Amino acid sequence: MSYYKVIKGKKYDRELLEAADEAIAGVNDNRISIADAKKLYEKVIDGNSYTDIEKSTVKYIRDNYKWTPKADEWFRAEIRRWATRK
């Protein structure tokens, strides 16, 4: 299986997309909770770099998945903090 998933001709990080799919299936509310956001964050930082593919994938997830307000706020803040340290 490929590291990437192609959607409408654009490459995305398969592992991040699968984690987002698992997150929205969890409680059957179709939203990413703060606990889910923390799991996604760990997957983003696991390689100690924020690649262009990961950035595109995070944007795709942010645009196409529902988030709880707290999860959305926390995830944005943590990604910004982490990315500025890189």
PDB file of N, CA and C in Angstrom:
ATOM      1  N   MET A   1       0.842  -1.175   0.000  1.00  0.00           N
ATOM      2  CA  MET A   1       0.000   0.000   0.000  1.00  0.00           C
ATOM      3  C   MET A   1       0.890   1.242   0.000  1.00  0.00           C
ATOM      4  N   SER A   2       0.473   2.211  -0.712  1.00  0.00           N
ATOM      5  CA  SER A   2       1.238   3.448  -0.863  1.00  0.00           C
ATOM      6  C   SER A   2       1.170   4.308   0.393  1.00  0.00           C
ATOM      7  N   TYR A   3       2.226   5.074   0.613  1.00  0.00           N
ATOM      8  CA  TYR A   3       2.279   6.048   1.710  1.00  0.00           C
ATOM      9  C   TYR A   3       1.263   7.151   1.462  1.00  0.00           C
ATOM     10  N   TYR A   4       0.925   7.375   0.202  1.00  0.00           N
ATOM     11  CA  TYR A   4       0.032   8.458  -0.193  1.00  0.00           C
ATOM     12  C   TYR A   4      -1.344   7.936  -0.584  1.00  0.00           C
ATOM     13  N   LYS A   5      -2.311   8.813  -0.461  1.00  0.00           N
ATOM     14  CA  LYS A   5      -3.640   8.575  -1.008  1.00  0.00           C
ATOM     15  C   LYS A   5      -3.901   9.736  -1.958  1.00  0.00           C
ATOM     16  N   VAL A   6      -4.305   9.425  -3.172  1.00  0.00           N
ATOM     17  CA  VAL A   6      -4.557  10.461  -4.167  1.00  0.00           C
ATOM     18  C   VAL A   6      -6.058  10.753  -4.202  1.00  0.00           C
ATOM     19  N   ILE A   7      -6.379  12.025  -4.022  1.00  0.00           N
ATOM     20  CA  ILE A   7      -7.764  12.488  -4.084  1.00  0.00           C
ATOM     21  C   ILE A   7      -7.809  13.629  -5.092  1.00  0.00           C
ATOM     22  N   LYS A   8      -8.624  13.439  -6.113  1.00  0.00           N
ATOM     23  CA  LYS A   8      -8.756  14.432  -7.182  1.00  0.00           C
ATOM     24  C   LYS A   8      -7.397  14.855  -7.732  1.00  0.00           C
ATOM     25  N   GLY A   9      -6.512  13.874  -7.903  1.00  0.00           N
ATOM     26  CA  GLY A   9      -5.211  14.115  -8.506  1.00  0.00           C
ATOM     27  C   GLY A   9      -4.156  14.693  -7.581  1.00  0.00           C
ATOM     28  N   LYS A  10      -4.476  14.870  -6.314  1.00  0.00           N
ATOM     29  CA  LYS A  10      -3.521  15.455  -5.363  1.00  0.00           C
ATOM     30  C   LYS A  10      -3.137  14.418  -4.309  1.00  0.00           C
ATOM     31  N   LYS A  11      -1.832  14.377  -3.970  1.00  0.00           N
ATOM     32  CA  LYS A  11      -1.327  13.419  -2.987  1.00  0.00           C
ATOM     33  C   LYS A  11      -1.551  13.926  -1.566  1.00  0.00           C
ATOM     34  N   TYR A  12      -1.983  12.992  -0.705  1.00  0.00           N
ATOM     35  CA  TYR A  12      -2.159  13.271   0.718  1.00  0.00           C
ATOM     36  C   TYR A  12      -1.527  12.135   1.522  1.00  0.00           C
ATOM     37  N   ASP A  13      -1.256  12.407   2.785  1.00  0.00           N
ATOM     38  CA  ASP A  13      -0.683  11.432   3.700  1.00  0.00           C
ATOM     39  C   ASP A  13      -1.774  10.427   4.102  1.00  0.00           C
ATOM     40  N   ARG A  14      -1.617   9.194   3.654  1.00  0.00           N
ATOM     41  CA  ARG A  14      -2.620   8.155   3.902  1.00  0.00           C
ATOM     42  C   ARG A  14      -2.857   7.939   5.401  1.00  0.00           C
ATOM     43  N   GLU A  15      -1.794   7.887   6.185  1.00  0.00           N
ATOM     44  CA  GLU A  15      -1.916   7.610   7.616  1.00  0.00           C
ATOM     45  C   GLU A  15      -2.734   8.691   8.328  1.00  0.00           C
ATOM     46  N   LEU A  16      -2.510   9.949   7.985  1.00  0.00           N
ATOM     47  CA  LEU A  16      -3.286  11.034   8.586  1.00  0.00           C
ATOM     48  C   LEU A  16      -4.756  10.951   8.186  1.00  0.00           C
ATOM     49  N   LEU A  17      -5.026  10.661   6.927  1.00  0.00           N
ATOM     50  CA  LEU A  17      -6.412  10.533   6.477  1.00  0.00           C
ATOM     51  C   LEU A  17      -7.114   9.364   7.165  1.00  0.00           C
ATOM     52  N   GLU A  18      -6.411   8.259   7.307  1.00  0.00           N
ATOM     53  CA  GLU A  18      -7.003   7.103   7.985  1.00  0.00           C
ATOM     54  C   GLU A  18      -7.268   7.415   9.453  1.00  0.00           C
ATOM     55  N   ALA A  19      -6.374   8.156  10.089  1.00  0.00           N
ATOM     56  CA  ALA A  19      -6.578   8.553  11.485  1.00  0.00           C
ATOM     57  C   ALA A  19      -7.798   9.468  11.607  1.00  0.00           C
ATOM     58  N   ALA A  20      -7.976  10.372  10.658  1.00  0.00           N
ATOM     59  CA  ALA A  20      -9.148  11.261  10.667  1.00  0.00           C
ATOM     60  C   ALA A  20     -10.427  10.449  10.461  1.00  0.00           C
ATOM     61  N   ASP A  21     -10.378   9.468   9.564  1.00  0.00           N
ATOM     62  CA  ASP A  21     -11.552   8.612   9.336  1.00  0.00           C
ATOM     63  C   ASP A  21     -11.903   7.828  10.594  1.00  0.00           C
ATOM     64  N   GLU A  22     -10.899   7.310  11.285  1.00  0.00           N
ATOM     65  CA  GLU A  22     -11.130   6.594  12.537  1.00  0.00           C
ATOM     66  C   GLU A  22     -11.720   7.533  13.591  1.00  0.00           C
ATOM     67  N   ALA A  23     -11.229   8.746  13.614  1.00  0.00           N
ATOM     68  CA  ALA A  23     -11.681   9.724  14.605  1.00  0.00           C
ATOM     69  C   ALA A  23     -13.174  10.017  14.453  1.00  0.00           C
ATOM     70  N   ILE A  24     -13.622  10.213  13.241  1.00  0.00           N
ATOM     71  CA  ILE A  24     -15.037  10.567  13.069  1.00  0.00           C
ATOM     72  C   ILE A  24     -15.956   9.359  13.215  1.00  0.00           C
ATOM     73  N   ALA A  25     -15.406   8.155  13.130  1.00  0.00           N
ATOM     74  CA  ALA A  25     -16.212   6.954  13.288  1.00  0.00           C
ATOM     75  C   ALA A  25     -16.357   6.566  14.757  1.00  0.00           C
ATOM     76  N   GLY A  26     -15.460   7.074  15.599  1.00  0.00           N
ATOM     77  CA  GLY A  26     -15.375   6.646  16.991  1.00  0.00           C
ATOM     78  C   GLY A  26     -16.653   6.718  17.800  1.00  0.00           C
ATOM     79  N   VAL A  27     -17.157   7.898  18.037  1.00  0.00           N
ATOM     80  CA  VAL A  27     -18.312   8.082  18.912  1.00  0.00           C
ATOM     81  C   VAL A  27     -19.592   8.217  18.095  1.00  0.00           C
ATOM     82  N   ASN A  28     -19.464   8.067  16.813  1.00  0.00           N
ATOM     83  CA  ASN A  28     -20.585   8.200  15.888  1.00  0.00           C
ATOM     84  C   ASN A  28     -21.187   9.600  15.861  1.00  0.00           C
ATOM     85  N   ASP A  29     -20.394  10.594  16.217  1.00  0.00           N
ATOM     86  CA  ASP A  29     -20.879  11.977  16.108  1.00  0.00           C
ATOM     87  C   ASP A  29     -20.272  12.670  14.889  1.00  0.00           C
ATOM     88  N   ASN A  30     -19.412  11.937  14.164  1.00  0.00           N
ATOM     89  CA  ASN A  30     -18.776  12.436  12.941  1.00  0.00           C
ATOM     90  C   ASN A  30     -17.963  13.698  13.150  1.00  0.00           C
ATOM     91  N   ARG A  31     -17.413  13.862  14.359  1.00  0.00           N
ATOM     92  CA  ARG A  31     -16.576  15.029  14.636  1.00  0.00           C
ATOM     93  C   ARG A  31     -15.256  14.584  15.241  1.00  0.00           C
ATOM     94  N   ILE A  32     -14.245  15.388  15.012  1.00  0.00           N
ATOM     95  CA  ILE A  32     -12.939  15.146  15.611  1.00  0.00           C
ATOM     96  C   ILE A  32     -12.923  15.834  16.961  1.00  0.00           C
ATOM     97  N   SER A  33     -12.735  15.039  18.003  1.00  0.00           N
ATOM     98  CA  SER A  33     -12.694  15.556  19.376  1.00  0.00           C
ATOM     99  C   SER A  33     -11.278  16.000  19.720  1.00  0.00           C
ATOM    100  N   ILE A  34     -11.113  16.551  20.895  1.00  0.00           N
ATOM    101  CA  ILE A  34      -9.774  16.965  21.324  1.00  0.00           C
ATOM    102  C   ILE A  34      -8.857  15.746  21.465  1.00  0.00           C
ATOM    103  N   ALA A  35      -9.386  14.627  21.943  1.00  0.00           N
ATOM    104  CA  ALA A  35      -8.569  13.403  22.041  1.00  0.00           C
ATOM    105  C   ALA A  35      -8.125  12.952  20.647  1.00  0.00           C
ATOM    106  N   ASP A  36      -9.034  13.037  19.685  1.00  0.00           N
ATOM    107  CA  ASP A  36      -8.696  12.693  18.299  1.00  0.00           C
ATOM    108  C   ASP A  36      -7.662  13.664  17.744  1.00  0.00           C
ATOM    109  N   ALA A  37      -7.838  14.942  18.036  1.00  0.00           N
ATOM    110  CA  ALA A  37      -6.905  15.969  17.560  1.00  0.00           C
ATOM    111  C   ALA A  37      -5.504  15.698  18.087  1.00  0.00           C
ATOM    112  N   LYS A  38      -5.408  15.246  19.313  1.00  0.00           N
ATOM    113  CA  LYS A  38      -4.100  14.933  19.897  1.00  0.00           C
ATOM    114  C   LYS A  38      -3.445  13.768  19.164  1.00  0.00           C
ATOM    115  N   LYS A  39      -4.238  12.777  18.774  1.00  0.00           N
ATOM    116  CA  LYS A  39      -3.700  11.646  18.008  1.00  0.00           C
ATOM    117  C   LYS A  39      -3.213  12.111  16.636  1.00  0.00           C
ATOM    118  N   LEU A  40      -4.002  12.961  15.986  1.00  0.00           N
ATOM    119  CA  LEU A  40      -3.583  13.499  14.695  1.00  0.00           C
ATOM    120  C   LEU A  40      -2.296  14.304  14.831  1.00  0.00           C
ATOM    121  N   TYR A  41      -2.228  15.119  15.863  1.00  0.00           N
ATOM    122  CA  TYR A  41      -1.039  15.940  16.109  1.00  0.00           C
ATOM    123  C   TYR A  41       0.202  15.054  16.261  1.00  0.00           C
ATOM    124  N   GLU A  42       0.086  13.988  17.013  1.00  0.00           N
ATOM    125  CA  GLU A  42       1.219  13.070  17.211  1.00  0.00           C
ATOM    126  C   GLU A  42       1.672  12.476  15.883  1.00  0.00           C
ATOM    127  N   LYS A  43       0.742  12.190  15.000  1.00  0.00           N
ATOM    128  CA  LYS A  43       1.105  11.649  13.682  1.00  0.00           C
ATOM    129  C   LYS A  43       1.799  12.704  12.819  1.00  0.00           C
ATOM    130  N   VAL A  44       1.392  13.948  12.964  1.00  0.00           N
ATOM    131  CA  VAL A  44       2.036  15.025  12.198  1.00  0.00           C
ATOM    132  C   VAL A  44       3.477  15.206  12.642  1.00  0.00           C
ATOM    133  N   ILE A  45       3.721  15.205  13.936  1.00  0.00           N
ATOM    134  CA  ILE A  45       5.067  15.512  14.441  1.00  0.00           C
ATOM    135  C   ILE A  45       5.979  14.294  14.527  1.00  0.00           C
ATOM    136  N   ASP A  46       5.479  13.115  14.223  1.00  0.00           N
ATOM    137  CA  ASP A  46       6.268  11.898  14.424  1.00  0.00           C
ATOM    138  C   ASP A  46       7.580  11.867  13.642  1.00  0.00           C
ATOM    139  N   GLY A  47       7.644  12.516  12.504  1.00  0.00           N
ATOM    140  CA  GLY A  47       8.881  12.531  11.722  1.00  0.00           C
ATOM    141  C   GLY A  47       9.760  13.730  12.017  1.00  0.00           C
ATOM    142  N   ASN A  48       9.347  14.553  12.980  1.00  0.00           N
ATOM    143  CA  ASN A  48      10.080  15.749  13.400  1.00  0.00           C
ATOM    144  C   ASN A  48      10.257  16.774  12.277  1.00  0.00           C
ATOM    145  N   SER A  49       9.332  16.726  11.315  1.00  0.00           N
ATOM    146  CA  SER A  49       9.279  17.760  10.285  1.00  0.00           C
ATOM    147  C   SER A  49       7.836  17.863   9.820  1.00  0.00           C
ATOM    148  N   TYR A  50       7.477  19.003   9.282  1.00  0.00           N
ATOM    149  CA  TYR A  50       6.118  19.246   8.796  1.00  0.00           C
ATOM    150  C   TYR A  50       6.210  19.394   7.290  1.00  0.00           C
ATOM    151  N   THR A  51       6.063  18.279   6.603  1.00  0.00           N
ATOM    152  CA  THR A  51       6.270  18.244   5.163  1.00  0.00           C
ATOM    153  C   THR A  51       5.129  18.940   4.428  1.00  0.00           C
ATOM    154  N   ASP A  52       5.372  19.255   3.168  1.00  0.00           N
ATOM    155  CA  ASP A  52       4.327  19.870   2.346  1.00  0.00           C
ATOM    156  C   ASP A  52       3.121  18.943   2.205  1.00  0.00           C
ATOM    157  N   ILE A  53       3.372  17.640   2.096  1.00  0.00           N
ATOM    158  CA  ILE A  53       2.275  16.674   1.996  1.00  0.00           C
ATOM    159  C   ILE A  53       1.459  16.689   3.287  1.00  0.00           C
ATOM    160  N   GLU A  54       2.133  16.723   4.438  1.00  0.00           N
ATOM    161  CA  GLU A  54       1.410  16.782   5.707  1.00  0.00           C
ATOM    162  C   GLU A  54       0.610  18.077   5.818  1.00  0.00           C
ATOM    163  N   LYS A  55       1.194  19.178   5.401  1.00  0.00           N
ATOM    164  CA  LYS A  55       0.471  20.458   5.431  1.00  0.00           C
ATOM    165  C   LYS A  55      -0.776  20.393   4.568  1.00  0.00           C
ATOM    166  N   SER A  56      -0.641  19.844   3.374  1.00  0.00           N
ATOM    167  CA  SER A  56      -1.792  19.712   2.479  1.00  0.00           C
ATOM    168  C   SER A  56      -2.848  18.791   3.081  1.00  0.00           C
ATOM    169  N   THR A  57      -2.382  17.715   3.709  1.00  0.00           N
ATOM    170  CA  THR A  57      -3.311  16.758   4.303  1.00  0.00           C
ATOM    171  C   THR A  57      -4.041  17.380   5.478  1.00  0.00           C
ATOM    172  N   VAL A  58      -3.329  18.102   6.322  1.00  0.00           N
ATOM    173  CA  VAL A  58      -3.969  18.777   7.456  1.00  0.00           C
ATOM    174  C   VAL A  58      -4.998  19.779   6.942  1.00  0.00           C
ATOM    175  N   LYS A  59      -4.654  20.518   5.912  1.00  0.00           N
ATOM    176  CA  LYS A  59      -5.613  21.469   5.340  1.00  0.00           C
ATOM    177  C   LYS A  59      -6.841  20.728   4.814  1.00  0.00           C
ATOM    178  N   TYR A  60      -6.621  19.614   4.135  1.00  0.00           N
ATOM    179  CA  TYR A  60      -7.733  18.821   3.614  1.00  0.00           C
ATOM    180  C   TYR A  60      -8.630  18.346   4.768  1.00  0.00           C
ATOM    181  N   ILE A  61      -8.011  17.839   5.819  1.00  0.00           N
ATOM    182  CA  ILE A  61      -8.783  17.355   6.971  1.00  0.00           C
ATOM    183  C   ILE A  61      -9.543  18.513   7.616  1.00  0.00           C
ATOM    184  N   ARG A  62      -8.882  19.652   7.766  1.00  0.00           N
ATOM    185  CA  ARG A  62      -9.551  20.814   8.374  1.00  0.00           C
ATOM    186  C   ARG A  62     -10.731  21.281   7.529  1.00  0.00           C
ATOM    187  N   ASP A  63     -10.606  21.183   6.211  1.00  0.00           N
ATOM    188  CA  ASP A  63     -11.658  21.653   5.310  1.00  0.00           C
ATOM    189  C   ASP A  63     -12.789  20.643   5.105  1.00  0.00           C
ATOM    190  N   ASN A  64     -12.510  19.366   5.324  1.00  0.00           N
ATOM    191  CA  ASN A  64     -13.480  18.336   4.950  1.00  0.00           C
ATOM    192  C   ASN A  64     -14.009  17.480   6.099  1.00  0.00           C
ATOM    193  N   TYR A  65     -13.540  17.714   7.293  1.00  0.00           N
ATOM    194  CA  TYR A  65     -14.003  16.969   8.465  1.00  0.00           C
ATOM    195  C   TYR A  65     -14.533  17.966   9.488  1.00  0.00           C
ATOM    196  N   LYS A  66     -15.510  17.523  10.256  1.00  0.00           N
ATOM    197  CA  LYS A  66     -16.052  18.371  11.320  1.00  0.00           C
ATOM    198  C   LYS A  66     -15.209  18.195  12.577  1.00  0.00           C
ATOM    199  N   TRP A  67     -14.975  19.295  13.267  1.00  0.00           N
ATOM    200  CA  TRP A  67     -14.188  19.316  14.492  1.00  0.00           C
ATOM    201  C   TRP A  67     -15.041  19.908  15.609  1.00  0.00           C
ATOM    202  N   THR A  68     -14.809  19.463  16.843  1.00  0.00           N
ATOM    203  CA  THR A  68     -15.421  20.183  17.952  1.00  0.00           C
ATOM    204  C   THR A  68     -14.676  21.506  18.067  1.00  0.00           C
ATOM    205  N   PRO A  69     -15.328  22.538  18.564  1.00  0.00           N
ATOM    206  CA  PRO A  69     -14.635  23.834  18.687  1.00  0.00           C
ATOM    207  C   PRO A  69     -13.342  23.748  19.497  1.00  0.00           C
ATOM    208  N   LYS A  70     -13.347  23.005  20.605  1.00  0.00           N
ATOM    209  CA  LYS A  70     -12.142  22.887  21.430  1.00  0.00           C
ATOM    210  C   LYS A  70     -11.031  22.164  20.685  1.00  0.00           C
ATOM    211  N   ALA A  71     -11.386  21.113  19.970  1.00  0.00           N
ATOM    212  CA  ALA A  71     -10.384  20.357  19.210  1.00  0.00           C
ATOM    213  C   ALA A  71      -9.781  21.230  18.118  1.00  0.00           C
ATOM    214  N   ASP A  72     -10.617  21.980  17.438  1.00  0.00           N
ATOM    215  CA  ASP A  72     -10.157  22.867  16.371  1.00  0.00           C
ATOM    216  C   ASP A  72      -9.183  23.904  16.926  1.00  0.00           C
ATOM    217  N   GLU A  73      -9.555  24.535  17.999  1.00  0.00           N
ATOM    218  CA  GLU A  73      -8.705  25.562  18.614  1.00  0.00           C
ATOM    219  C   GLU A  73      -7.384  24.966  19.097  1.00  0.00           C
ATOM    220  N   TRP A  74      -7.457  23.842  19.788  1.00  0.00           N
ATOM    221  CA  TRP A  74      -6.249  23.209  20.328  1.00  0.00           C
ATOM    222  C   TRP A  74      -5.303  22.793  19.197  1.00  0.00           C
ATOM    223  N   PHE A  75      -5.844  22.130  18.177  1.00  0.00           N
ATOM    224  CA  PHE A  75      -5.013  21.625  17.088  1.00  0.00           C
ATOM    225  C   PHE A  75      -4.312  22.760  16.355  1.00  0.00           C
ATOM    226  N   ARG A  76      -5.044  23.804  16.034  1.00  0.00           N
ATOM    227  CA  ARG A  76      -4.446  24.956  15.341  1.00  0.00           C
ATOM    228  C   ARG A  76      -3.309  25.562  16.163  1.00  0.00           C
ATOM    229  N   ALA A  77      -3.561  25.743  17.448  1.00  0.00           N
ATOM    230  CA  ALA A  77      -2.551  26.348  18.319  1.00  0.00           C
ATOM    231  C   ALA A  77      -1.309  25.470  18.427  1.00  0.00           C
ATOM    232  N   GLU A  78      -1.501  24.178  18.596  1.00  0.00           N
ATOM    233  CA  GLU A  78      -0.363  23.267  18.745  1.00  0.00           C
ATOM    234  C   GLU A  78       0.452  23.168  17.461  1.00  0.00           C
ATOM    235  N   ILE A  79      -0.202  23.083  16.330  1.00  0.00           N
ATOM    236  CA  ILE A  79       0.520  23.020  15.053  1.00  0.00           C
ATOM    237  C   ILE A  79       1.320  24.300  14.848  1.00  0.00           C
ATOM    238  N   ARG A  80       0.713  25.448  15.135  1.00  0.00           N
ATOM    239  CA  ARG A  80       1.432  26.729  14.990  1.00  0.00           C
ATOM    240  C   ARG A  80       2.656  26.771  15.898  1.00  0.00           C
ATOM    241  N   ARG A  81       2.471  26.386  17.161  1.00  0.00           N
ATOM    242  CA  ARG A  81       3.596  26.393  18.114  1.00  0.00           C
ATOM    243  C   ARG A  81       4.708  25.473  17.649  1.00  0.00           C
ATOM    244  N   TRP A  82       4.333  24.264  17.263  1.00  0.00           N
ATOM    245  CA  TRP A  82       5.326  23.280  16.847  1.00  0.00           C
ATOM    246  C   TRP A  82       6.042  23.742  15.567  1.00  0.00           C
ATOM    247  N   ALA A  83       5.273  24.236  14.593  1.00  0.00           N
ATOM    248  CA  ALA A  83       5.863  24.653  13.315  1.00  0.00           C
ATOM    249  C   ALA A  83       6.814  25.828  13.489  1.00  0.00           C
ATOM    250  N   THR A  84       6.544  26.727  14.419  1.00  0.00           N
ATOM    251  CA  THR A  84       7.451  27.867  14.621  1.00  0.00           C
ATOM    252  C   THR A  84       8.767  27.434  15.255  1.00  0.00           C
ATOM    253  N   ARG A  85       8.764  26.307  15.939  1.00  0.00           N
ATOM    254  CA  ARG A  85      10.008  25.810  16.534  1.00  0.00           C
ATOM    255  C   ARG A  85      10.863  25.052  15.517  1.00  0.00           C
ATOM    256  N   LYS A  86      10.316  24.761  14.364  1.00  0.00           N
ATOM    257  CA  LYS A  86      11.031  23.975  13.350  1.00  0.00           C
ATOM    258  C   LYS A  86      11.876  24.849  12.493  1.00  0.00           C
TER     259      LYS A  86
END
